[in-house]
């Protein structure tokens, strides 16, 4: 029973770490896409 709980906790931990990396990567992708759109429109966000 203890082995099963340890394995389950480990798998949940790995899935949580993978989700954090995925969200972080998606955020960087969106930031990059936003910068590309701003550059293409001639607005660089500075006033």
N, C-alpha and C. Protein backbone atom coordinates (compact mmCIF):
# COMPACT_ATOMS: atom_id res chain seq x y z
N UNK A 1 0.83 -1.19 0.00
CA UNK A 1 0.00 0.00 0.00
C UNK A 1 0.87 1.26 0.00
N UNK A 2 1.92 1.27 0.81
CA UNK A 2 2.81 2.43 0.89
C UNK A 2 3.53 2.66 -0.43
N UNK A 3 3.92 1.57 -1.06
CA UNK A 3 4.61 1.67 -2.35
C UNK A 3 3.68 2.30 -3.40
N UNK A 4 2.42 1.91 -3.37
CA UNK A 4 1.44 2.43 -4.31
C UNK A 4 1.23 3.94 -4.10
N UNK A 5 1.15 4.36 -2.84
CA UNK A 5 0.99 5.78 -2.52
C UNK A 5 2.22 6.59 -2.95
N UNK A 6 3.40 6.05 -2.73
CA UNK A 6 4.63 6.73 -3.12
C UNK A 6 4.69 6.88 -4.64
N UNK A 7 4.35 5.85 -5.35
CA UNK A 7 4.35 5.90 -6.81
C UNK A 7 3.34 6.92 -7.32
N UNK A 8 2.16 6.94 -6.73
CA UNK A 8 1.12 7.89 -7.13
C UNK A 8 1.57 9.33 -6.85
N UNK A 9 2.15 9.56 -5.70
CA UNK A 9 2.63 10.91 -5.36
C UNK A 9 3.74 11.34 -6.32
N UNK A 10 4.62 10.43 -6.67
CA UNK A 10 5.69 10.74 -7.62
C UNK A 10 5.15 11.09 -8.99
N UNK A 11 4.18 10.34 -9.45
CA UNK A 11 3.59 10.61 -10.76
C UNK A 11 2.86 11.95 -10.77
N UNK A 12 2.17 12.26 -9.70
CA UNK A 12 1.48 13.56 -9.62
C UNK A 12 2.50 14.69 -9.62
N UNK A 13 3.61 14.51 -8.91
CA UNK A 13 4.66 15.52 -8.90
C UNK A 13 5.26 15.73 -10.28
N UNK A 14 5.53 14.67 -10.99
CA UNK A 14 6.08 14.79 -12.35
C UNK A 14 5.10 15.49 -13.29
N UNK A 15 3.83 15.16 -13.16
CA UNK A 15 2.82 15.81 -14.01
C UNK A 15 2.72 17.30 -13.70
N UNK A 16 2.84 17.66 -12.42
CA UNK A 16 2.78 19.07 -12.04
C UNK A 16 3.98 19.82 -12.61
N UNK A 17 5.15 19.23 -12.55
CA UNK A 17 6.34 19.88 -13.12
C UNK A 17 6.21 20.04 -14.63
N UNK A 18 5.69 19.03 -15.29
CA UNK A 18 5.52 19.11 -16.74
C UNK A 18 4.51 20.20 -17.10
N UNK A 19 3.46 20.34 -16.31
CA UNK A 19 2.45 21.37 -16.57
C UNK A 19 3.06 22.76 -16.40
N UNK A 20 3.91 22.94 -15.39
CA UNK A 20 4.55 24.24 -15.17
C UNK A 20 5.42 24.60 -16.36
N UNK A 21 6.18 23.64 -16.87
CA UNK A 21 7.03 23.91 -18.03
C UNK A 21 6.20 24.23 -19.26
N UNK A 22 5.08 23.56 -19.42
CA UNK A 22 4.22 23.80 -20.57
C UNK A 22 3.61 25.20 -20.51
N UNK A 23 3.12 25.60 -19.37
CA UNK A 23 2.52 26.92 -19.23
C UNK A 23 3.58 28.00 -19.40
N UNK A 24 4.77 27.77 -18.85
CA UNK A 24 5.86 28.72 -18.99
C UNK A 24 6.24 28.88 -20.46
N UNK A 25 6.34 27.79 -21.18
CA UNK A 25 6.67 27.83 -22.60
C UNK A 25 5.59 28.52 -23.41
N UNK A 26 4.34 28.27 -23.08
CA UNK A 26 3.24 28.92 -23.79
C UNK A 26 3.27 30.42 -23.55
N UNK A 27 3.58 30.83 -22.33
CA UNK A 27 3.69 32.26 -22.02
C UNK A 27 4.78 32.92 -22.83
N UNK A 28 5.92 32.26 -22.95
CA UNK A 28 7.02 32.82 -23.76
C UNK A 28 6.62 32.90 -25.23
N UNK A 29 5.92 31.90 -25.73
CA UNK A 29 5.47 31.91 -27.12
C UNK A 29 4.51 33.07 -27.37
N UNK A 30 3.57 33.29 -26.46
CA UNK A 30 2.61 34.39 -26.62
C UNK A 30 3.32 35.74 -26.55
N UNK A 31 4.29 35.87 -25.68
CA UNK A 31 5.05 37.12 -25.56
C UNK A 31 5.81 37.38 -26.86
N UNK A 32 6.42 36.36 -27.41
CA UNK A 32 7.15 36.48 -28.66
C UNK A 32 6.22 36.86 -29.81
N UNK A 33 5.05 36.24 -29.86
CA UNK A 33 4.09 36.55 -30.91
C UNK A 33 3.59 37.99 -30.77
N UNK A 34 3.35 38.43 -29.56
CA UNK A 34 2.92 39.81 -29.33
C UNK A 34 3.98 40.81 -29.75
N UNK A 35 5.24 40.50 -29.48
CA UNK A 35 6.34 41.38 -29.89
C UNK A 35 6.44 41.43 -31.41
N UNK A 36 6.23 40.30 -32.07
CA UNK A 36 6.29 40.27 -33.54
C UNK A 36 5.17 41.10 -34.14
N UNK A 37 3.98 41.03 -33.58
CA UNK A 37 2.85 41.81 -34.08
C UNK A 37 3.12 43.30 -33.85
N UNK A 38 3.64 43.65 -32.69
CA UNK A 38 3.95 45.05 -32.41
C UNK A 38 5.01 45.58 -33.36
N UNK A 39 6.04 44.79 -33.60
CA UNK A 39 7.09 45.21 -34.54
C UNK A 39 6.54 45.38 -35.95
N UNK A 40 5.68 44.47 -36.37
CA UNK A 40 5.11 44.54 -37.71
C UNK A 40 4.20 45.74 -37.88
N UNK A 41 3.55 46.19 -36.80
CA UNK A 41 2.63 47.32 -36.89
C UNK A 41 3.35 48.66 -36.73
N UNK A 42 4.65 48.59 -36.39
CA UNK A 42 5.42 49.82 -36.22
C UNK A 42 5.32 50.40 -34.83
N UNK A 43 4.66 49.72 -33.93
CA UNK A 43 4.54 50.18 -32.54
C UNK A 43 5.37 49.25 -31.66
N UNK A 44 6.34 49.83 -30.96
CA UNK A 44 7.18 48.99 -30.14
C UNK A 44 6.82 49.08 -28.66
N UNK A 45 5.71 49.71 -28.34
CA UNK A 45 5.25 49.77 -26.96
C UNK A 45 5.84 50.91 -26.16
N UNK A 46 6.77 51.65 -26.74
CA UNK A 46 7.37 52.78 -26.04
C UNK A 46 6.71 54.06 -26.49
N UNK A 47 6.50 54.96 -25.55
CA UNK A 47 5.84 56.23 -25.87
C UNK A 47 6.84 57.36 -25.85
